[in-house]
Amino acid sequence: MQTHIVPVGFDYDRLIAPLVRDQIDVDSVILLEGAVGSEANVEYSRHLSKKLETDFKNLLGAETERFVLEDVYDYDDAFEQAYELITAELDSGNEVWVNVAAMPRTVSFAFANAAHSLMVERQEDREGIHTYYTAPEKYLETELAEELREQIALLEDLQRDDDGLADDRIVSRLESARDLLAEFDERGTTIGAKEIDGKHIVELPVASFSNVKPFEELILYKLGEDGEFDSVSELAESLARELNEEYTDSFRSKVIYNVDRLGPGGKGYIEREEHGKSYRTRLSRIGELWVRAHSDDGTGD
């Protein structure tokens, strides 16, 4: 059974046309709608999602579910949701195809990286996970701009033919069209840089997860639960108490060894900052993503 996970932005053709034209089997579809942006943008995306839901069923006979992404600029949330959705499909024995052609880049990268991470973690399912992209045949923005130029020329001709016709509607439309076209010519299809959580840059970490051993899991979950430790010894003491084990040099060495394996020179899930004679120990950004993605799958129990 093949499931397609499709984040919906402002595209229609790229999300369904290649599947119809290439006669690809589609048994079920998960459509993801973005809930951030102007009311008009959200409504437009919702309209496309409804249309896709209908057409996936009528054209491909696919069962369709719709989900909402609350914040399309929150990479971590998008990654976590992608990881959970793909994992659920794999656990059900389904082949998963992830479309990354639409939606903001944060969502596309999050879903692509989640798929890649699961390919690394679940080698037995590697052949059943796919990401794909479809290029558009043409972009409508430039055609809309050219159409707007023609409309401006038409309105200007009307004014000239009617001895400087001063109809307020024509004057208003001309001014608005000229301003919009000037912005398009100067800036392209977008304007400005949106501030997100106090910054104008959203870092997109490449999460190449590795297989994590049981004791390494305990360390990651402990750091996820308690945050930063002033030293590896403090982390080891806390783990020993939690596991009801005696805190010995052997146990401490075991923790140090596994922290090193999880650190910058190993799997990259832990950051260590020199602090006097010890090292502050905390999760890296990738480590935080790992904990979030695995916190509900039962591995931390």
C-alpha atoms as a PDB file:
ATOM      1  CA  MET A   1       0.000   0.000   0.000  1.00  0.00           C
ATOM      2  CA  GLN A   2       1.387   3.393  -1.000  1.00  0.00           C
ATOM      3  CA  THR A   3       0.767   6.524   1.058  1.00  0.00           C
ATOM      4  CA  HIS A   4       1.622   9.987  -0.258  1.00  0.00           C
ATOM      5  CA  ILE A   5       2.253  12.779   2.252  1.00  0.00           C
ATOM      6  CA  VAL A   6       1.539  16.075   0.532  1.00  0.00           C
ATOM      7  CA  PRO A   7       2.098  19.493   2.185  1.00  0.00           C
ATOM      8  CA  VAL A   8      -0.276  21.927   0.432  1.00  0.00           C
ATOM      9  CA  GLY A   9       0.845  25.461  -0.361  1.00  0.00           C
ATOM     10  CA  PHE A  10      -0.424  27.465  -3.342  1.00  0.00           C
ATOM     11  CA  ASP A  11       0.077  24.798  -6.008  1.00  0.00           C
ATOM     12  CA  TYR A  12      -2.383  22.330  -7.466  1.00  0.00           C
ATOM     13  CA  ASP A  13      -0.898  20.741 -10.594  1.00  0.00           C
ATOM     14  CA  ARG A  14       2.473  19.840  -9.054  1.00  0.00           C
ATOM     15  CA  LEU A  15       0.779  17.890  -6.259  1.00  0.00           C
ATOM     16  CA  ILE A  16      -1.414  15.619  -8.364  1.00  0.00           C
ATOM     17  CA  ALA A  17      -0.632  15.939 -12.095  1.00  0.00           C
ATOM     18  CA  PRO A  18       2.625  13.908 -12.058  1.00  0.00           C
ATOM     19  CA  LEU A  19       0.902  11.055 -10.241  1.00  0.00           C
ATOM     20  CA  VAL A  20      -1.916  10.963 -12.795  1.00  0.00           C
ATOM     21  CA  ARG A  21       0.357  11.357 -15.825  1.00  0.00           C
ATOM     22  CA  ASP A  22       2.893   8.755 -14.680  1.00  0.00           C
ATOM     23  CA  GLN A  23       0.093   6.412 -13.552  1.00  0.00           C
ATOM     24  CA  ILE A  24       1.607   6.008 -10.100  1.00  0.00           C
ATOM     25  CA  ASP A  25      -0.286   3.877  -7.597  1.00  0.00           C
ATOM     26  CA  VAL A  26      -1.719   5.986  -4.789  1.00  0.00           C
ATOM     27  CA  ASP A  27      -3.721   4.171  -2.124  1.00  0.00           C
ATOM     28  CA  SER A  28      -3.925   6.908   0.476  1.00  0.00           C
ATOM     29  CA  VAL A  29      -2.998  10.590   0.754  1.00  0.00           C
ATOM     30  CA  ILE A  30      -2.234  12.788   3.756  1.00  0.00           C
ATOM     31  CA  LEU A  31      -2.772  16.473   2.919  1.00  0.00           C
ATOM     32  CA  LEU A  32      -1.194  19.070   5.210  1.00  0.00           C
ATOM     33  CA  GLU A  33      -2.612  22.592   5.306  1.00  0.00           C
ATOM     34  CA  GLY A  34      -0.662  25.586   6.606  1.00  0.00           C
ATOM     35  CA  ALA A  35      -2.442  27.789   9.145  1.00  0.00           C
ATOM     36  CA  VAL A  36      -0.088  30.778   9.164  1.00  0.00           C
ATOM     37  CA  GLY A  37      -0.234  33.836   6.955  1.00  0.00           C
ATOM     38  CA  SER A  38      -2.894  36.239   5.854  1.00  0.00           C
ATOM     39  CA  GLU A  39      -6.525  35.176   6.023  1.00  0.00           C
ATOM     40  CA  ALA A  40      -6.628  35.180   2.230  1.00  0.00           C
ATOM     41  CA  ASN A  41      -3.555  32.907   2.007  1.00  0.00           C
ATOM     42  CA  VAL A  42      -4.944  30.453   4.553  1.00  0.00           C
ATOM     43  CA  GLU A  43      -8.313  30.359   2.816  1.00  0.00           C
ATOM     44  CA  TYR A  44      -6.687  29.847  -0.588  1.00  0.00           C
ATOM     45  CA  SER A  45      -4.588  26.946   0.718  1.00  0.00           C
ATOM     46  CA  ARG A  46      -7.668  25.442   2.351  1.00  0.00           C
ATOM     47  CA  HIS A  47      -9.582  25.718  -0.930  1.00  0.00           C
ATOM     48  CA  LEU A  48      -6.794  23.904  -2.804  1.00  0.00           C
ATOM     49  CA  SER A  49      -6.687  21.220  -0.119  1.00  0.00           C
ATOM     50  CA  LYS A  50     -10.416  20.551  -0.511  1.00  0.00           C
ATOM     51  CA  LYS A  51     -10.068  20.387  -4.293  1.00  0.00           C
ATOM     52  CA  LEU A  52      -7.121  18.001  -4.001  1.00  0.00           C
ATOM     53  CA  GLU A  53      -9.033  15.821  -1.561  1.00  0.00           C
ATOM     54  CA  THR A  54     -11.845  15.455  -4.088  1.00  0.00           C
ATOM     55  CA  ASP A  55      -9.596  14.884  -7.088  1.00  0.00           C
ATOM     56  CA  PHE A  56      -7.290  12.374  -5.394  1.00  0.00           C
ATOM     57  CA  LYS A  57     -10.398  10.323  -4.701  1.00  0.00           C
ATOM     58  CA  ASN A  58     -12.038  10.760  -8.116  1.00  0.00           C
ATOM     59  CA  LEU A  59      -8.921  10.520 -10.298  1.00  0.00           C
ATOM     60  CA  LEU A  60      -6.779   8.060  -8.338  1.00  0.00           C
ATOM     61  CA  GLY A  61      -9.254   6.338  -6.034  1.00  0.00           C
ATOM     62  CA  ALA A  62      -7.183   7.295  -2.993  1.00  0.00           C
ATOM     63  CA  GLU A  63      -8.430   7.644   0.558  1.00  0.00           C
ATOM     64  CA  THR A  64      -7.547  11.109   1.818  1.00  0.00           C
ATOM     65  CA  GLU A  65      -6.939  12.662   5.240  1.00  0.00           C
ATOM     66  CA  ARG A  66      -6.339  16.338   5.962  1.00  0.00           C
ATOM     67  CA  PHE A  67      -4.190  17.708   8.788  1.00  0.00           C
ATOM     68  CA  VAL A  68      -3.276  21.252   9.816  1.00  0.00           C
ATOM     69  CA  LEU A  69       0.277  22.485  10.417  1.00  0.00           C
ATOM     70  CA  GLU A  70      -0.211  25.213  13.019  1.00  0.00           C
ATOM     71  CA  ASP A  71       2.973  27.106  12.163  1.00  0.00           C
ATOM     72  CA  VAL A  72       4.611  26.518   8.797  1.00  0.00           C
ATOM     73  CA  TYR A  73       7.723  28.421   9.948  1.00  0.00           C
ATOM     74  CA  ASP A  74       8.404  26.197  12.979  1.00  0.00           C
ATOM     75  CA  TYR A  75      10.958  23.739  11.617  1.00  0.00           C
ATOM     76  CA  ASP A  76      11.110  21.626  14.782  1.00  0.00           C
ATOM     77  CA  ASP A  77       7.338  21.125  14.955  1.00  0.00           C
ATOM     78  CA  ALA A  78       7.182  20.310  11.248  1.00  0.00           C
ATOM     79  CA  PHE A  79      10.029  17.806  11.615  1.00  0.00           C
ATOM     80  CA  GLU A  80       8.341  16.146  14.587  1.00  0.00           C
ATOM     81  CA  GLN A  81       5.016  15.885  12.761  1.00  0.00           C
ATOM     82  CA  ALA A  82       6.726  14.528   9.637  1.00  0.00           C
ATOM     83  CA  TYR A  83       8.634  11.965  11.679  1.00  0.00           C
ATOM     84  CA  GLU A  84       5.458  10.787  13.406  1.00  0.00           C
ATOM     85  CA  LEU A  85       3.412  10.592  10.202  1.00  0.00           C
ATOM     86  CA  ILE A  86       6.075   8.666   8.260  1.00  0.00           C
ATOM     87  CA  THR A  87       6.772   6.349  11.195  1.00  0.00           C
ATOM     88  CA  ALA A  88       3.052   5.544  11.594  1.00  0.00           C
ATOM     89  CA  GLU A  89       2.772   4.634   7.915  1.00  0.00           C
ATOM     90  CA  LEU A  90       5.897   2.462   7.994  1.00  0.00           C
ATOM     91  CA  ASP A  91       4.661   0.698  11.135  1.00  0.00           C
ATOM     92  CA  SER A  92       1.442  -0.083   9.254  1.00  0.00           C
ATOM     93  CA  GLY A  93       3.477  -1.730   6.510  1.00  0.00           C
ATOM     94  CA  ASN A  94       2.962   1.037   3.947  1.00  0.00           C
ATOM     95  CA  GLU A  95       5.362   2.492   1.421  1.00  0.00           C
ATOM     96  CA  VAL A  96       5.705   6.262   1.934  1.00  0.00           C
ATOM     97  CA  TRP A  97       6.147   8.969  -0.694  1.00  0.00           C
ATOM     98  CA  VAL A  98       6.783  12.539   0.518  1.00  0.00           C
ATOM     99  CA  ASN A  99       6.086  15.407  -1.888  1.00  0.00           C
ATOM    100  CA  VAL A 100       8.341  18.429  -1.227  1.00  0.00           C
ATOM    101  CA  ALA A 101       7.254  20.587  -4.177  1.00  0.00           C
ATOM    102  CA  ALA A 102       4.966  22.960  -2.276  1.00  0.00           C
ATOM    103  CA  MET A 103       4.665  24.658   1.138  1.00  0.00           C
ATOM    104  CA  PRO A 104       7.313  27.018   2.625  1.00  0.00           C
ATOM    105  CA  ARG A 105      10.892  25.743   2.562  1.00  0.00           C
ATOM    106  CA  THR A 106      10.846  25.127   6.321  1.00  0.00           C
ATOM    107  CA  VAL A 107       8.169  22.463   5.866  1.00  0.00           C
ATOM    108  CA  SER A 108       9.718  20.965   2.730  1.00  0.00           C
ATOM    109  CA  PHE A 109      13.162  20.667   4.358  1.00  0.00           C
ATOM    110  CA  ALA A 110      11.665  19.319   7.583  1.00  0.00           C
ATOM    111  CA  PHE A 111       9.762  16.564   5.779  1.00  0.00           C
ATOM    112  CA  ALA A 112      12.703  15.698   3.525  1.00  0.00           C
ATOM    113  CA  ASN A 113      15.089  15.504   6.497  1.00  0.00           C
ATOM    114  CA  ALA A 114      12.636  13.438   8.543  1.00  0.00           C
ATOM    115  CA  ALA A 115      12.339  10.984   5.659  1.00  0.00           C
ATOM    116  CA  HIS A 116      16.127  10.837   5.307  1.00  0.00           C
ATOM    117  CA  SER A 117      16.574  10.305   9.044  1.00  0.00           C
ATOM    118  CA  LEU A 118      14.187   7.371   9.023  1.00  0.00           C
ATOM    119  CA  MET A 119      16.039   5.874   6.046  1.00  0.00           C
ATOM    120  CA  VAL A 120      19.182   5.892   8.201  1.00  0.00           C
ATOM    121  CA  GLU A 121      17.498   4.623  11.364  1.00  0.00           C
ATOM    122  CA  ARG A 122      15.310   1.972   9.759  1.00  0.00           C
ATOM    123  CA  GLN A 123      17.542   0.281   7.234  1.00  0.00           C
ATOM    124  CA  GLU A 124      14.962  -2.457   6.706  1.00  0.00           C
ATOM    125  CA  ASP A 125      12.475   0.183   5.469  1.00  0.00           C
ATOM    126  CA  ARG A 126      14.947   2.180   3.393  1.00  0.00           C
ATOM    127  CA  GLU A 127      13.479   1.113   0.039  1.00  0.00           C
ATOM    128  CA  GLY A 128       9.988   2.003   1.227  1.00  0.00           C
ATOM    129  CA  ILE A 129      10.688   5.706   1.869  1.00  0.00           C
ATOM    130  CA  HIS A 130      10.768   8.193  -0.997  1.00  0.00           C
ATOM    131  CA  THR A 131      10.941  11.978  -1.342  1.00  0.00           C
ATOM    132  CA  TYR A 132      10.100  13.611  -4.639  1.00  0.00           C
ATOM    133  CA  TYR A 133       9.832  17.000  -6.318  1.00  0.00           C
ATOM    134  CA  THR A 134       8.012  18.185  -9.435  1.00  0.00           C
ATOM    135  CA  ALA A 135       9.076  21.233 -11.455  1.00  0.00           C
ATOM    136  CA  PRO A 136       6.322  23.489 -12.860  1.00  0.00           C
ATOM    137  CA  GLU A 137       5.884  23.814 -16.619  1.00  0.00           C
ATOM    138  CA  LYS A 138       5.553  27.576 -16.163  1.00  0.00           C
ATOM    139  CA  TYR A 139       5.258  30.187 -13.441  1.00  0.00           C
ATOM    140  CA  LEU A 140       2.078  32.249 -13.404  1.00  0.00           C
ATOM    141  CA  GLU A 141       3.629  35.219 -11.579  1.00  0.00           C
ATOM    142  CA  THR A 142       5.416  36.483 -14.685  1.00  0.00           C
ATOM    143  CA  GLU A 143       2.335  35.937 -16.853  1.00  0.00           C
ATOM    144  CA  LEU A 144       0.216  37.852 -14.343  1.00  0.00           C
ATOM    145  CA  ALA A 145       2.745  40.688 -14.429  1.00  0.00           C
ATOM    146  CA  GLU A 146       2.632  40.797 -18.233  1.00  0.00           C
ATOM    147  CA  GLU A 147      -1.162  40.782 -18.147  1.00  0.00           C
ATOM    148  CA  LEU A 148      -1.066  43.690 -15.714  1.00  0.00           C
ATOM    149  CA  ARG A 149       1.192  45.622 -18.106  1.00  0.00           C
ATOM    150  CA  GLU A 150      -1.371  45.098 -20.872  1.00  0.00           C
ATOM    151  CA  GLN A 151      -4.180  46.329 -18.619  1.00  0.00           C
ATOM    152  CA  ILE A 152      -2.194  49.440 -17.714  1.00  0.00           C
ATOM    153  CA  ALA A 153      -1.577  50.141 -21.405  1.00  0.00           C
ATOM    154  CA  LEU A 154      -5.289  49.706 -22.127  1.00  0.00           C
ATOM    155  CA  LEU A 155      -6.330  52.125 -19.390  1.00  0.00           C
ATOM    156  CA  GLU A 156      -3.764  54.671 -20.576  1.00  0.00           C
ATOM    157  CA  ASP A 157      -5.137  54.385 -24.150  1.00  0.00           C
ATOM    158  CA  LEU A 158      -8.657  54.965 -22.843  1.00  0.00           C
ATOM    159  CA  GLN A 159      -7.523  58.129 -21.114  1.00  0.00           C
ATOM    160  CA  ARG A 160      -5.781  59.432 -24.238  1.00  0.00           C
ATOM    161  CA  ASP A 161      -8.685  58.574 -26.563  1.00  0.00           C
ATOM    162  CA  ASP A 162     -11.126  60.390 -24.309  1.00  0.00           C
ATOM    163  CA  ASP A 163      -9.058  63.552 -23.893  1.00  0.00           C
ATOM    164  CA  GLY A 164      -7.576  62.635 -20.544  1.00  0.00           C
ATOM    165  CA  LEU A 165     -10.607  60.811 -19.126  1.00  0.00           C
ATOM    166  CA  ALA A 166     -10.587  61.511 -15.399  1.00  0.00           C
ATOM    167  CA  ASP A 167     -12.936  58.771 -14.223  1.00  0.00           C
ATOM    168  CA  ASP A 168     -11.935  58.199 -10.593  1.00  0.00           C
ATOM    169  CA  ARG A 169     -12.093  54.432 -11.056  1.00  0.00           C
ATOM    170  CA  ILE A 170      -9.679  54.429 -13.967  1.00  0.00           C
ATOM    171  CA  VAL A 171      -7.313  56.827 -12.218  1.00  0.00           C
ATOM    172  CA  SER A 172      -7.393  54.675  -9.065  1.00  0.00           C
ATOM    173  CA  ARG A 173      -6.864  51.397 -10.927  1.00  0.00           C
ATOM    174  CA  LEU A 174      -4.008  52.859 -12.957  1.00  0.00           C
ATOM    175  CA  GLU A 175      -2.226  54.124  -9.861  1.00  0.00           C
ATOM    176  CA  SER A 176      -2.684  50.826  -8.022  1.00  0.00           C
ATOM    177  CA  ALA A 177      -1.558  48.734 -10.997  1.00  0.00           C
ATOM    178  CA  ARG A 178       1.519  50.895 -11.609  1.00  0.00           C
ATOM    179  CA  ASP A 179       2.559  50.696  -7.948  1.00  0.00           C
ATOM    180  CA  LEU A 180       2.120  46.918  -7.830  1.00  0.00           C
ATOM    181  CA  LEU A 181       3.996  46.352 -11.076  1.00  0.00           C
ATOM    182  CA  ALA A 182       6.817  48.648  -9.937  1.00  0.00           C
ATOM    183  CA  GLU A 183       7.202  46.550  -6.761  1.00  0.00           C
ATOM    184  CA  PHE A 184       7.189  43.346  -8.799  1.00  0.00           C
ATOM    185  CA  ASP A 185       9.836  44.662 -11.199  1.00  0.00           C
ATOM    186  CA  GLU A 186      12.020  45.845  -8.321  1.00  0.00           C
ATOM    187  CA  ARG A 187      11.625  43.006  -5.821  1.00  0.00           C
ATOM    188  CA  GLY A 188      10.293  39.945  -7.610  1.00  0.00           C
ATOM    189  CA  THR A 189       7.465  37.816  -6.225  1.00  0.00           C
ATOM    190  CA  THR A 190       8.019  38.526  -2.516  1.00  0.00           C
ATOM    191  CA  ILE A 191       8.622  41.553  -0.303  1.00  0.00           C
ATOM    192  CA  GLY A 192      10.710  41.912   2.838  1.00  0.00           C
ATOM    193  CA  ALA A 193      12.001  39.345   5.338  1.00  0.00           C
ATOM    194  CA  LYS A 194       9.559  38.087   7.960  1.00  0.00           C
ATOM    195  CA  GLU A 195      10.666  38.047  11.594  1.00  0.00           C
ATOM    196  CA  ILE A 196      10.133  34.653  13.250  1.00  0.00           C
ATOM    197  CA  ASP A 197      10.759  34.255  16.973  1.00  0.00           C
ATOM    198  CA  GLY A 198      12.832  37.428  17.058  1.00  0.00           C
ATOM    199  CA  LYS A 199      15.039  36.465  14.103  1.00  0.00           C
ATOM    200  CA  HIS A 200      14.905  36.756  10.356  1.00  0.00           C
ATOM    201  CA  ILE A 201      16.733  33.485   9.714  1.00  0.00           C
ATOM    202  CA  VAL A 202      15.323  30.017  10.421  1.00  0.00           C
ATOM    203  CA  GLU A 203      18.146  27.499  10.698  1.00  0.00           C
ATOM    204  CA  LEU A 204      17.401  24.228   8.935  1.00  0.00           C
ATOM    205  CA  PRO A 205      19.580  21.550  10.571  1.00  0.00           C
ATOM    206  CA  VAL A 206      20.357  18.440   8.578  1.00  0.00           C
ATOM    207  CA  ALA A 207      19.224  15.598  10.800  1.00  0.00           C
ATOM    208  CA  SER A 208      21.124  12.509   9.748  1.00  0.00           C
ATOM    209  CA  PHE A 209      20.102  10.243  12.611  1.00  0.00           C
ATOM    210  CA  SER A 210      22.161   7.193  13.471  1.00  0.00           C
ATOM    211  CA  ASN A 211      21.114   4.069  15.296  1.00  0.00           C
ATOM    212  CA  VAL A 212      21.201   4.878  19.011  1.00  0.00           C
ATOM    213  CA  LYS A 213      22.010   2.173  21.545  1.00  0.00           C
ATOM    214  CA  PRO A 214      19.852   1.700  24.666  1.00  0.00           C
ATOM    215  CA  PHE A 215      22.274   3.344  27.123  1.00  0.00           C
ATOM    216  CA  GLU A 216      22.788   6.235  24.706  1.00  0.00           C
ATOM    217  CA  GLU A 217      19.014   6.620  24.615  1.00  0.00           C
ATOM    218  CA  LEU A 218      18.931   6.968  28.402  1.00  0.00           C
ATOM    219  CA  ILE A 219      21.506   9.754  28.245  1.00  0.00           C
ATOM    220  CA  LEU A 220      19.620  11.627  25.527  1.00  0.00           C
ATOM    221  CA  TYR A 221      16.285  11.362  27.315  1.00  0.00           C
ATOM    222  CA  LYS A 222      17.905  12.471  30.578  1.00  0.00           C
ATOM    223  CA  LEU A 223      19.349  15.565  28.922  1.00  0.00           C
ATOM    224  CA  GLY A 224      16.017  16.206  27.239  1.00  0.00           C
ATOM    225  CA  GLU A 225      14.236  15.990  30.578  1.00  0.00           C
ATOM    226  CA  ASP A 226      16.680  17.877  32.817  1.00  0.00           C
ATOM    227  CA  GLY A 227      18.464  20.157  30.348  1.00  0.00           C
ATOM    228  CA  GLU A 228      22.106  21.140  30.818  1.00  0.00           C
ATOM    229  CA  PHE A 229      24.476  19.534  33.306  1.00  0.00           C
ATOM    230  CA  ASP A 230      27.539  21.372  34.578  1.00  0.00           C
ATOM    231  CA  SER A 231      29.684  18.285  34.087  1.00  0.00           C
ATOM    232  CA  VAL A 232      29.541  14.734  32.796  1.00  0.00           C
ATOM    233  CA  SER A 233      30.084  13.540  36.389  1.00  0.00           C
ATOM    234  CA  GLU A 234      26.941  15.366  37.472  1.00  0.00           C
ATOM    235  CA  LEU A 235      25.048  13.737  34.598  1.00  0.00           C
ATOM    236  CA  ALA A 236      26.425  10.329  35.610  1.00  0.00           C
ATOM    237  CA  GLU A 237      25.369  10.822  39.234  1.00  0.00           C
ATOM    238  CA  SER A 238      21.853  11.784  38.175  1.00  0.00           C
ATOM    239  CA  LEU A 239      21.594   8.765  35.892  1.00  0.00           C
ATOM    240  CA  ALA A 240      22.826   6.430  38.623  1.00  0.00           C
ATOM    241  CA  ARG A 241      20.140   7.712  41.007  1.00  0.00           C
ATOM    242  CA  GLU A 242      17.447   7.320  38.396  1.00  0.00           C
ATOM    243  CA  LEU A 243      18.544   3.771  37.539  1.00  0.00           C
ATOM    244  CA  ASN A 244      19.042   2.821  41.211  1.00  0.00           C
ATOM    245  CA  GLU A 245      22.631   1.910  40.431  1.00  0.00           C
ATOM    246  CA  GLU A 246      25.688   2.502  42.560  1.00  0.00           C
ATOM    247  CA  TYR A 247      27.717   5.489  41.371  1.00  0.00           C
ATOM    248  CA  THR A 248      31.148   3.980  40.788  1.00  0.00           C
ATOM    249  CA  ASP A 249      34.162   4.887  38.691  1.00  0.00           C
ATOM    250  CA  SER A 250      33.097   2.179  36.276  1.00  0.00           C
ATOM    251  CA  PHE A 251      29.623   3.650  35.872  1.00  0.00           C
ATOM    252  CA  ARG A 252      31.059   7.159  35.465  1.00  0.00           C
ATOM    253  CA  SER A 253      33.470   5.900  32.787  1.00  0.00           C
ATOM    254  CA  LYS A 254      30.582   4.238  30.978  1.00  0.00           C
ATOM    255  CA  VAL A 255      28.685   7.544  30.883  1.00  0.00           C
ATOM    256  CA  ILE A 256      31.778   9.474  29.717  1.00  0.00           C
ATOM    257  CA  TYR A 257      32.367   6.925  26.941  1.00  0.00           C
ATOM    258  CA  ASN A 258      28.782   7.149  25.687  1.00  0.00           C
ATOM    259  CA  VAL A 259      28.685  10.947  25.934  1.00  0.00           C
ATOM    260  CA  ASP A 260      31.823  11.032  23.777  1.00  0.00           C
ATOM    261  CA  ARG A 261      30.096   8.791  21.226  1.00  0.00           C
ATOM    262  CA  LEU A 262      27.118  11.133  21.192  1.00  0.00           C
ATOM    263  CA  GLY A 263      29.243  14.289  21.079  1.00  0.00           C
ATOM    264  CA  PRO A 264      30.604  16.481  18.268  1.00  0.00           C
ATOM    265  CA  GLY A 265      33.171  13.913  17.181  1.00  0.00           C
ATOM    266  CA  GLY A 266      30.547  11.161  17.074  1.00  0.00           C
ATOM    267  CA  LYS A 267      26.839  11.299  16.359  1.00  0.00           C
ATOM    268  CA  GLY A 268      26.514  15.007  17.087  1.00  0.00           C
ATOM    269  CA  TYR A 269      23.531  14.783  19.456  1.00  0.00           C
ATOM    270  CA  ILE A 270      25.345  16.358  22.414  1.00  0.00           C
ATOM    271  CA  GLU A 271      27.219  19.644  22.796  1.00  0.00           C
ATOM    272  CA  ARG A 272      30.027  20.042  25.330  1.00  0.00           C
ATOM    273  CA  GLU A 273      31.304  23.443  26.442  1.00  0.00           C
ATOM    274  CA  GLU A 274      34.509  23.732  28.445  1.00  0.00           C
ATOM    275  CA  HIS A 275      33.850  25.159  31.909  1.00  0.00           C
ATOM    276  CA  GLY A 276      36.934  25.214  34.121  1.00  0.00           C
ATOM    277  CA  LYS A 277      38.116  21.626  34.493  1.00  0.00           C
ATOM    278  CA  SER A 278      34.807  20.152  33.391  1.00  0.00           C
ATOM    279  CA  TYR A 279      32.444  20.378  30.435  1.00  0.00           C
ATOM    280  CA  ARG A 280      28.889  21.648  30.438  1.00  0.00           C
ATOM    281  CA  THR A 281      26.850  19.000  28.683  1.00  0.00           C
ATOM    282  CA  ARG A 282      23.583  19.564  26.819  1.00  0.00           C
ATOM    283  CA  LEU A 283      21.669  18.402  23.767  1.00  0.00           C
ATOM    284  CA  SER A 284      22.601  19.864  20.396  1.00  0.00           C
ATOM    285  CA  ARG A 285      19.860  21.066  18.059  1.00  0.00           C
ATOM    286  CA  ILE A 286      19.894  17.669  16.351  1.00  0.00           C
ATOM    287  CA  GLY A 287      19.788  15.982  19.761  1.00  0.00           C
ATOM    288  CA  GLU A 288      16.716  18.010  20.697  1.00  0.00           C
ATOM    289  CA  LEU A 289      15.045  16.932  17.464  1.00  0.00           C
ATOM    290  CA  TRP A 290      15.923  13.304  18.156  1.00  0.00           C
ATOM    291  CA  VAL A 291      14.339  13.452  21.619  1.00  0.00           C
ATOM    292  CA  ARG A 292      11.227  15.194  20.295  1.00  0.00           C
ATOM    293  CA  ALA A 293      10.839  12.710  17.470  1.00  0.00           C
ATOM    294  CA  HIS A 294      11.272   9.668  19.738  1.00  0.00           C
ATOM    295  CA  SER A 295       9.627  10.826  22.960  1.00  0.00           C
ATOM    296  CA  ASP A 296       6.267   9.209  22.176  1.00  0.00           C
ATOM    297  CA  ASP A 297       7.378   5.988  20.493  1.00  0.00           C
ATOM    298  CA  GLY A 298       7.965   4.034  23.667  1.00  0.00           C
ATOM    299  CA  THR A 299      11.729   3.767  23.379  1.00  0.00           C
ATOM    300  CA  GLY A 300      12.269   5.969  26.380  1.00  0.00           C
ATOM    301  CA  ASP A 301      10.171   3.915  28.796  1.00  0.00           C
END
